[in-house]
Protein backbone atom coordinates (compact mmCIF):
# COMPACT_ATOMS: atom_id res chain seq x y z
CA MET A 1 17.06 95.32 273.01
CA GLU A 2 18.18 96.50 269.58
CA ALA A 3 18.99 92.94 268.50
CA SER A 4 15.56 91.69 269.54
CA SER A 5 13.81 94.53 267.73
CA LEU A 6 15.86 93.79 264.59
CA SER A 7 14.95 90.13 264.90
CA SER A 8 11.23 90.86 265.24
CA THR A 9 11.39 93.32 262.34
CA ALA A 10 13.01 90.64 260.15
CA LYS A 11 10.30 88.15 261.07
CA GLN A 12 7.54 90.65 260.29
CA SER A 13 9.02 91.74 256.98
CA GLY A 14 6.85 89.23 255.09
CA PRO A 15 7.43 87.86 251.62
CA SER A 16 9.96 89.31 249.22
CA PRO A 17 8.75 92.04 246.86
CA ALA A 18 8.73 89.58 243.92
CA VAL A 19 6.62 87.06 245.86
CA ALA A 20 4.26 89.83 247.02
CA GLU A 21 3.91 91.07 243.42
CA ASP A 22 3.18 87.51 242.25
CA GLU A 23 0.52 87.20 244.95
CA ARG A 24 -1.11 90.44 243.80
CA LEU A 25 -1.02 89.35 240.17
CA ALA A 26 -2.39 85.87 240.97
CA LEU A 27 -5.33 87.34 242.84
CA GLY A 28 -5.87 89.86 240.04
CA ALA A 29 -5.69 87.11 237.40
CA ARG A 30 -9.08 85.86 238.59
CA SER A 31 -10.67 88.70 236.65
CA ASN A 32 -7.84 90.06 234.52
CA PRO A 33 -6.18 87.82 231.88
CA THR A 34 -3.32 90.31 231.51
CA ALA A 35 -2.24 89.61 235.10
CA PHE A 36 -2.05 85.89 234.32
CA ALA A 37 -0.06 86.63 231.15
CA THR A 38 2.45 88.52 233.30
CA LEU A 39 2.74 85.55 235.67
CA TYR A 40 3.21 83.26 232.68
CA GLY A 41 6.02 85.45 231.39
CA ARG A 42 7.73 85.49 234.78
CA HIS A 43 7.52 81.75 235.50
CA ARG A 44 7.45 79.85 232.19
CA GLU A 45 11.24 79.50 232.05
CA SER A 46 11.57 78.03 235.55
CA VAL A 47 8.65 75.67 234.91
CA PHE A 48 10.23 74.57 231.63
CA ARG A 49 13.66 74.02 233.28
CA TYR A 50 12.07 71.88 235.99
CA LEU A 51 10.07 69.84 233.47
CA ARG A 52 13.09 69.52 231.16
CA ALA A 53 14.97 67.94 234.04
CA ARG A 54 12.13 65.42 234.39
CA CYS A 55 11.54 64.73 230.68
CA THR A 56 13.69 62.97 228.12
CA ASN A 57 13.41 65.71 225.50
CA ASP A 58 12.54 69.37 224.92
CA ASP A 59 9.25 68.65 223.12
CA ASP A 60 7.79 66.75 226.08
CA ALA A 61 8.93 69.49 228.46
CA LEU A 62 7.35 72.17 226.25
CA ASP A 63 4.07 70.22 226.06
CA LEU A 64 4.00 69.80 229.83
CA THR A 65 4.81 73.48 230.34
CA ALA A 66 1.77 74.39 228.24
CA THR A 67 -0.35 71.87 230.18
CA THR A 68 0.88 73.33 233.46
CA PHE A 69 -0.17 76.86 232.60
CA GLU A 70 -3.50 75.69 231.16
CA ARG A 71 -4.21 73.94 234.46
CA ALA A 72 -3.04 76.97 236.42
CA LEU A 73 -5.33 79.28 234.46
CA LEU A 74 -8.29 76.96 235.03
CA ALA A 75 -7.48 76.75 238.77
CA ILE A 76 -6.57 80.41 239.39
CA GLN A 77 -9.93 81.01 241.11
CA LYS A 78 -8.87 78.49 243.78
CA TYR A 79 -5.42 80.04 244.33
CA ARG A 80 -4.85 81.15 247.91
CA PRO A 81 -1.71 82.98 249.06
CA LEU A 82 -0.24 80.70 251.73
CA GLY A 83 3.26 82.12 252.00
CA ALA A 84 5.01 79.77 249.58
CA GLY A 85 4.08 82.01 246.66
CA PHE A 86 2.79 81.57 243.14
CA SER A 87 6.07 79.97 242.03
CA ALA A 88 5.67 77.03 244.41
CA TRP A 89 1.99 76.72 243.45
CA VAL A 90 2.66 76.57 239.70
CA LEU A 91 5.63 74.21 240.17
CA ARG A 92 3.35 71.89 242.18
CA ILE A 93 0.97 71.91 239.20
CA ALA A 94 3.94 71.14 236.90
CA ARG A 95 4.99 68.27 239.14
CA ASN A 96 1.48 66.82 239.06
CA ALA A 97 1.33 67.20 235.28
CA ALA A 98 4.65 65.33 234.96
CA ILE A 99 3.40 62.57 237.27
CA ASP A 100 0.21 62.26 235.21
CA GLN A 101 2.25 62.11 232.00
CA GLY A 102 4.49 59.42 233.51
CA ARG A 103 1.45 57.32 234.38
CA LEU A 104 0.15 57.63 230.81
CA GLN A 105 3.51 56.63 229.35
CA ARG A 106 3.74 53.58 231.62
CA ALA A 107 0.24 52.56 230.56
CA ARG A 108 1.22 52.31 226.89
CA PRO A 109 4.28 50.80 225.20
CA ALA A 110 7.25 53.11 225.19
CA PRO A 111 8.33 54.42 221.77
CA ALA A 112 11.88 53.96 220.57
CA ALA A 113 14.22 56.20 222.52
CA LEU A 114 14.96 59.52 220.85
CA GLU A 115 18.32 61.16 221.13
CA SER A 116 18.14 64.32 223.16
CA ALA A 117 19.54 67.52 221.72
CA GLU A 118 21.50 68.47 224.83
CA GLY A 119 23.70 71.01 223.13
CA GLN A 120 25.74 71.28 220.00
CA LEU A 121 28.77 69.14 219.39
CA ALA A 122 32.00 71.03 219.42
CA GLU A 123 33.15 71.33 215.83
CA ASP A 124 36.83 71.50 216.74
CA ASP A 125 36.86 68.40 218.99
CA PRO A 126 34.11 65.93 218.10
CA GLU A 127 35.73 63.15 220.18
CA ALA A 128 35.65 65.24 223.38
CA ALA A 129 32.10 66.33 222.58
CA ALA A 130 31.04 62.70 222.12
CA ILE A 131 32.61 61.68 225.43
CA ALA A 132 30.95 64.61 227.23
CA SER A 133 27.62 63.74 225.62
CA ASP A 134 27.94 60.10 226.73
CA GLU A 135 28.80 61.19 230.29
CA HIS A 136 25.84 63.56 230.35
CA ARG A 137 23.47 60.83 229.12
CA HIS A 138 24.93 58.46 231.71
CA LEU A 139 24.40 60.96 234.52
CA ARG A 140 20.80 61.60 233.38
CA ALA A 141 20.21 57.83 233.45
CA LEU A 142 21.55 57.66 237.01
CA VAL A 143 19.26 60.52 238.04
CA ARG A 144 16.27 58.80 236.38
CA ALA A 145 17.07 55.67 238.44
CA LEU A 146 16.64 57.62 241.70
CA PRO A 147 13.30 57.41 243.54
CA GLU A 148 10.84 60.04 242.30
CA PRO A 149 10.99 62.28 245.41
CA GLN A 150 14.78 62.52 245.07
CA ARG A 151 14.54 63.28 241.32
CA ASP A 152 11.98 66.00 242.01
CA ALA A 153 14.05 67.59 244.75
CA LEU A 154 17.19 67.63 242.55
CA ALA A 155 15.30 69.03 239.56
CA LEU A 156 13.76 71.81 241.64
CA ARG A 157 17.10 72.63 243.27
CA TYR A 158 19.43 72.53 240.28
CA SER A 159 17.13 73.24 237.32
CA VAL A 160 14.97 75.91 238.94
CA GLY A 161 17.24 77.08 241.76
CA LEU A 162 14.70 76.82 244.57
CA THR A 163 15.73 76.70 248.21
CA ALA A 164 15.00 73.67 250.38
CA ARG A 165 12.10 75.55 251.96
CA GLN A 166 10.57 76.37 248.56
CA ILE A 167 11.09 72.80 247.35
CA GLY A 168 9.37 71.55 250.49
CA SER A 169 6.34 73.68 249.59
CA VAL A 170 6.19 72.08 246.16
CA ILE A 171 6.65 68.46 247.24
CA GLY A 172 4.85 68.66 250.58
CA LYS A 173 7.78 68.17 252.97
CA SER A 174 9.38 70.25 255.69
CA GLU A 175 12.53 72.23 254.95
CA GLU A 176 14.61 69.86 257.08
CA ALA A 177 13.17 66.75 255.40
CA THR A 178 13.81 68.34 252.00
CA GLN A 179 17.45 69.08 252.88
CA LYS A 180 17.89 65.46 253.93
CA LEU A 181 16.21 64.28 250.72
CA ILE A 182 18.59 66.34 248.57
CA ALA A 183 21.63 65.21 250.55
CA ARG A 184 20.55 61.58 250.23
CA ALA A 185 19.95 61.96 246.48
CA LEU A 186 23.41 63.46 245.95
CA SER A 187 24.98 60.75 248.09
CA ASP A 188 23.16 58.02 246.13
CA LEU A 189 24.28 59.56 242.82
CA LYS A 190 27.88 59.81 243.98
CA GLU A 191 27.82 56.20 245.16
CA ALA A 192 26.24 54.92 241.92
CA TYR A 193 28.68 56.89 239.78
CA GLY A 194 31.67 55.81 241.86
CA HIS A 195 30.53 52.17 241.84
CA GLU A 196 30.40 52.16 238.04
CA GLN A 197 33.86 53.74 237.76
CA ARG A 198 35.51 50.84 239.63
């Protein structure tokens, strides 16, 4: 009997304190801009990391982060706590902003590729830094070649640190389907990388 009461208590415990606080702030942000500013401060870094994983450079990711929070502020009146939390809601907005941006970029000629500032070169071993930079660029190219749902799932998992359940809330899939999507993406990356090493 004790095990069943512990199990029912765990199920009734509800969202984590951070998620519950975000819910309270999101509902308060409808009439209080300070509440939205607090949400912005809490979530801007994770939104940026997700968008940076999707974009080719920091400037585009920063622009899309600003767009995301502008859209979120305009839509805060429509926000409804559905269990996934504010984080999933704002990341869904970020995903849609990135998709919209991708459509715009495909509609016009692509500018010359810009080198990404992915870290500073090691001053003591420029050759090793150049090799690491080439490998990093190569891996990013392999990730960009994946289908969009796989890219999204990987970006949300490894750039933002979301669980499969949280990712599913953002991309509109079940937890199990999201786990399979991530596993498939990693398998495809491993195969593509291994194929090129032969």
